[in-house]
Protein backbone atom coordinates (compact mmCIF):
# COMPACT_ATOMS: atom_id res chain seq x y z
CA MET A 1 -19.07 22.22 -6.03
CA GLN A 2 -15.52 23.33 -6.71
CA TYR A 3 -12.73 21.51 -8.56
CA ILE A 4 -9.49 22.67 -6.79
CA ARG A 5 -5.91 21.61 -7.35
CA VAL A 6 -3.72 20.81 -4.33
CA ASN A 7 -0.05 21.11 -4.87
CA SER A 8 1.43 21.42 -1.38
CA ILE A 9 1.28 19.34 1.82
CA ASP A 10 0.95 22.68 3.59
CA ASP A 11 -2.35 23.34 1.91
CA PRO A 12 -5.14 22.76 4.53
CA LEU A 13 -7.07 20.81 1.91
CA PHE A 14 -4.28 18.26 1.73
CA LYS A 15 -4.87 16.99 5.26
CA LYS A 16 -8.54 16.61 4.49
CA LEU A 17 -7.84 14.62 1.34
CA HIS A 18 -5.18 12.45 2.98
CA ASP A 19 -7.55 11.56 5.84
CA LEU A 20 -10.14 10.60 3.29
CA MET A 21 -7.64 8.39 1.52
CA LYS A 22 -6.71 6.63 4.81
CA GLU A 23 -10.37 6.13 5.53
CA VAL A 24 -11.09 4.53 2.15
CA PHE A 25 -7.99 2.71 0.90
CA PRO A 26 -5.97 -0.13 2.44
CA LYS A 27 -2.74 1.09 4.06
CA GLU A 28 -0.46 -0.39 1.37
CA GLU A 29 -2.20 1.86 -1.18
CA VAL A 30 -1.60 5.13 0.65
CA LEU A 31 1.67 7.02 0.51
CA GLU A 32 2.85 8.32 3.87
CA TYR A 33 1.93 11.98 4.52
CA SER A 34 5.39 13.57 4.30
CA LEU A 35 6.27 11.57 1.18
CA TRP A 36 3.62 13.50 -0.73
CA LYS A 37 5.70 16.66 -0.64
CA GLU A 38 7.63 15.99 -3.95
CA PRO A 39 4.70 14.38 -5.86
CA LEU A 40 2.43 17.33 -5.10
CA GLU A 41 5.07 19.80 -6.28
CA ASP A 42 5.66 17.78 -9.45
CA PRO A 43 3.85 19.81 -12.26
CA SER A 44 3.04 16.54 -14.08
CA ILE A 45 1.07 15.08 -11.13
CA ARG A 46 -2.38 16.63 -10.85
CA VAL A 47 -4.25 16.17 -7.60
CA PHE A 48 -7.73 17.81 -7.39
CA VAL A 49 -10.42 17.74 -4.75
CA ALA A 50 -14.18 18.17 -5.03
CA LEU A 51 -14.96 20.72 -2.35
CA HIS A 52 -18.59 20.92 -1.20
CA GLU A 53 -19.56 23.24 1.64
CA ASP A 54 -15.92 23.44 2.80
CA GLU A 55 -15.69 19.64 2.94
CA VAL A 56 -13.51 17.44 0.74
CA VAL A 57 -16.11 14.99 -0.64
CA GLY A 58 -14.04 13.64 -3.53
CA VAL A 59 -10.46 13.38 -4.74
CA THR A 60 -8.77 12.47 -7.99
CA GLU A 61 -5.09 12.20 -8.87
CA TYR A 62 -3.90 11.73 -12.44
CA ARG A 63 -1.05 12.65 -14.76
CA TYR A 64 -0.58 13.33 -18.46
CA TYR A 65 2.43 12.00 -20.36
CA PRO A 66 2.93 14.25 -23.41
CA ASP A 67 5.49 11.96 -25.17
CA TRP A 68 2.97 9.09 -25.26
CA ASN A 69 -0.17 11.28 -25.29
CA ILE A 70 -1.71 9.18 -22.58
CA ALA A 71 -2.89 9.78 -19.02
CA MET A 72 -3.03 7.71 -15.92
CA THR A 73 -5.69 7.98 -13.24
CA ASP A 74 -3.88 7.17 -9.96
CA PHE A 75 -7.02 7.11 -7.93
CA THR A 76 -10.53 8.54 -7.59
CA ILE A 77 -12.47 8.84 -4.36
CA VAL A 78 -16.21 9.47 -4.17
CA GLY A 79 -16.69 10.13 -0.46
CA LYS A 80 -20.51 10.71 -0.32
CA PRO A 81 -23.57 9.51 -2.20
CA GLY A 82 -26.21 11.78 -3.71
CA LEU A 83 -24.03 14.61 -4.87
CA SER A 84 -22.99 13.30 -8.37
CA ILE A 85 -19.40 13.56 -7.21
CA GLY A 86 -18.21 10.76 -9.58
CA ARG A 87 -19.65 12.42 -12.64
CA PHE A 88 -18.27 15.83 -11.51
CA LEU A 89 -14.78 14.49 -11.06
CA ALA A 90 -14.74 12.41 -14.31
CA GLN A 91 -15.95 15.41 -16.39
CA SER A 92 -13.64 17.89 -14.77
CA ARG A 93 -10.69 15.52 -15.16
CA LEU A 94 -11.37 14.79 -18.81
CA LYS A 95 -11.77 18.46 -19.64
CA ASP A 96 -8.43 19.15 -17.97
CA LEU A 97 -6.69 16.30 -19.87
CA ASN A 98 -8.25 17.31 -23.20
CA ASP A 99 -6.88 20.84 -22.56
CA LEU A 100 -3.40 19.42 -21.88
CA ALA A 101 -3.47 17.19 -24.98
CA LYS A 102 -4.65 20.12 -27.08
CA ALA A 103 -1.78 22.22 -25.76
CA ASN A 104 0.43 19.31 -26.88
CA GLY A 105 -0.99 19.56 -30.37
CA LYS A 106 -2.89 16.25 -30.11
CA GLU A 107 -6.16 14.57 -29.19
CA LEU A 108 -5.82 12.43 -26.02
CA PHE A 109 -5.17 8.78 -26.99
CA GLY A 110 -6.50 7.35 -23.78
CA MET A 111 -6.06 6.82 -20.05
CA PHE A 112 -4.79 3.98 -17.88
CA ALA A 113 -6.28 3.00 -14.51
CA GLU A 114 -5.79 0.19 -12.00
CA ILE A 115 -9.26 -1.27 -11.22
CA TYR A 116 -10.07 -3.51 -8.32
CA ASN A 117 -11.34 -6.95 -9.30
CA PRO A 118 -14.25 -7.72 -6.94
CA TYR A 119 -14.46 -11.25 -8.26
CA ASP A 120 -11.07 -12.36 -6.90
CA GLY A 121 -12.40 -13.25 -3.49
CA GLU A 122 -10.65 -10.47 -1.64
CA ASN A 123 -12.64 -8.20 0.67
CA HIS A 124 -12.42 -4.59 -0.51
CA GLU A 125 -14.62 -2.68 1.95
CA PHE A 126 -13.05 0.74 1.37
CA GLY A 127 -13.74 1.82 4.89
CA GLY A 128 -17.48 1.03 4.50
CA VAL A 129 -17.92 3.88 1.94
CA LYS A 130 -20.62 2.39 -0.23
CA THR A 131 -19.88 4.79 -3.16
CA MET A 132 -16.49 3.07 -3.40
CA ASP A 133 -17.89 -0.46 -3.63
CA PRO A 134 -15.67 -2.26 -6.21
CA TYR A 135 -18.69 -3.79 -8.04
CA VAL A 136 -20.23 -0.40 -8.45
CA ARG A 137 -16.97 1.32 -9.48
CA ARG A 138 -16.24 -1.48 -11.99
CA GLU A 139 -19.55 -0.97 -13.75
CA VAL A 140 -19.15 2.83 -13.71
CA LEU A 141 -15.67 2.50 -15.24
CA SER A 142 -16.98 0.04 -17.88
CA HIS A 143 -19.58 2.60 -18.87
CA LEU A 144 -16.87 5.21 -19.18
CA GLY A 145 -15.18 2.96 -21.72
CA TYR A 146 -12.36 1.28 -19.74
CA LYS A 147 -11.14 -2.13 -20.95
CA ARG A 148 -8.83 -4.46 -19.09
CA LEU A 149 -5.42 -5.39 -20.43
CA ASP A 150 -5.16 -9.14 -20.98
CA LEU A 151 -2.33 -9.94 -18.56
CA GLU A 152 -1.78 -11.26 -15.06
CA TYR A 153 -1.26 -7.99 -13.25
CA VAL A 154 0.51 -7.10 -10.03
CA HIS A 155 1.98 -3.85 -8.83
CA PRO A 156 4.68 -2.96 -6.27
CA SER A 157 3.35 -1.99 -2.85
CA TRP A 158 3.56 1.79 -2.21
CA GLU A 159 5.07 0.97 1.16
CA ASN A 160 8.18 0.05 -0.99
CA ASP A 161 8.68 -3.18 0.97
CA GLY A 162 9.04 -5.42 -2.10
CA THR A 163 5.53 -6.85 -1.79
CA ALA A 164 3.52 -7.62 -4.88
CA VAL A 165 -0.06 -6.21 -4.62
CA GLU A 166 -2.69 -8.34 -6.36
CA GLY A 167 -6.41 -7.96 -6.81
CA LEU A 168 -6.13 -5.16 -9.32
CA GLN A 169 -6.34 -5.19 -13.13
CA LEU A 170 -4.59 -2.72 -15.35
CA SER A 171 -7.17 -1.09 -17.62
CA PHE A 172 -7.23 1.49 -20.38
CA MET A 173 -9.88 3.82 -21.74
CA PRO A 174 -9.10 4.58 -25.41
CA THR A 175 -10.55 7.78 -26.77
CA ASP A 176 -11.38 5.80 -29.91
CA ASP A 177 -13.57 2.95 -28.73
CA SER A 178 -12.52 0.83 -31.74
CA VAL A 179 -9.01 0.40 -30.29
CA SER A 180 -8.71 -3.27 -29.28
CA GLU A 181 -5.07 -3.58 -28.35
CA LEU A 182 -2.07 -1.62 -27.11
CA PRO A 183 1.63 -1.89 -28.14
CA ALA A 184 3.34 -3.96 -25.44
CA ALA A 185 6.24 -1.57 -25.56
CA LEU A 186 3.96 1.35 -24.55
CA VAL A 187 2.74 -0.63 -21.54
CA VAL A 188 6.30 -1.51 -20.50
CA ASP A 189 7.47 2.13 -20.90
CA PHE A 190 4.50 3.39 -18.94
CA LEU A 191 4.78 0.90 -16.09
CA THR A 192 8.53 1.25 -15.64
CA THR A 193 8.21 5.03 -15.60
CA TYR A 194 5.15 5.06 -13.33
CA TYR A 195 6.76 2.84 -10.69
CA SER A 196 10.29 4.29 -11.04
CA VAL A 197 9.88 5.99 -7.65
CA LEU A 198 9.76 2.57 -5.93
CA SER A 199 13.17 1.05 -5.64
CA ASN A 200 12.15 -2.33 -4.19
CA LYS A 201 10.34 -4.16 -7.00
CA PRO A 202 8.79 -7.61 -6.30
CA GLN A 203 9.95 -10.49 -8.45
CA GLN A 204 6.39 -11.05 -9.71
CA TRP A 205 6.38 -7.56 -11.11
CA LEU A 206 9.77 -7.99 -12.78
CA ASP A 207 8.56 -11.25 -14.32
CA MET A 208 5.47 -9.49 -15.66
CA ILE A 209 7.55 -6.80 -17.28
CA ASP A 210 9.85 -9.41 -18.82
CA THR A 211 6.82 -11.21 -20.28
CA LEU A 212 5.52 -7.90 -21.75
CA LYS A 213 8.98 -7.26 -23.35
CA LYS A 214 8.61 -10.43 -25.25
CA SER A 215 5.19 -9.49 -26.62
CA GLU A 216 4.27 -7.18 -29.45
CA THR A 217 0.73 -6.22 -28.38
CA VAL A 218 -1.61 -6.54 -25.39
CA GLU A 219 -5.31 -7.17 -26.00
CA LEU A 220 -7.97 -5.02 -24.50
CA LYS A 221 -10.91 -6.98 -23.15
CA PRO A 222 -14.24 -6.02 -21.57
CA ILE A 223 -14.37 -5.46 -17.77
């Protein structure tokens, strides 16, 4: 299996990965094809596919923020069972991030991720791809060391229509497992930067940011 970076919408692998995204994720979570041009060309955004027998069987997108020495996993797709794709992507991604942090003269502090909450009553079928079952993914991410931030979390829809997307929890995987809280200012800086590309923010998201600005820390809890 190959771990290959995709940095152009003209790369034939991009159509395969975008098709896989549309198959797995709800439409409000998938950026329109042509709008990927600038993100893919952005050196700070890292999109990799797991290529097996000329088929894109997995995808991960993430980014490293050198000023804060943290990363964000945008999404991970495990498209087929029985190939250890999840482990392959997680290990390859962590090696890449550790190399980036080392080049920055540091040891990676940790990584954010938005994790679906399967207990909220919403139906997250992910196109019927069983490897993406939110119950399974949640347990896998817990084993990797992710902890949820103790806040009522929403995020702006990637359709940029001002809708607040619920059903996700913002989580963080600290490199040091003894870390039990994050500075609220770090969370604010990260979220406002991460969603700066979206101009139409829902009021629920703005209220969440205002609440965070009035806090000093955010507790990390088990998922």
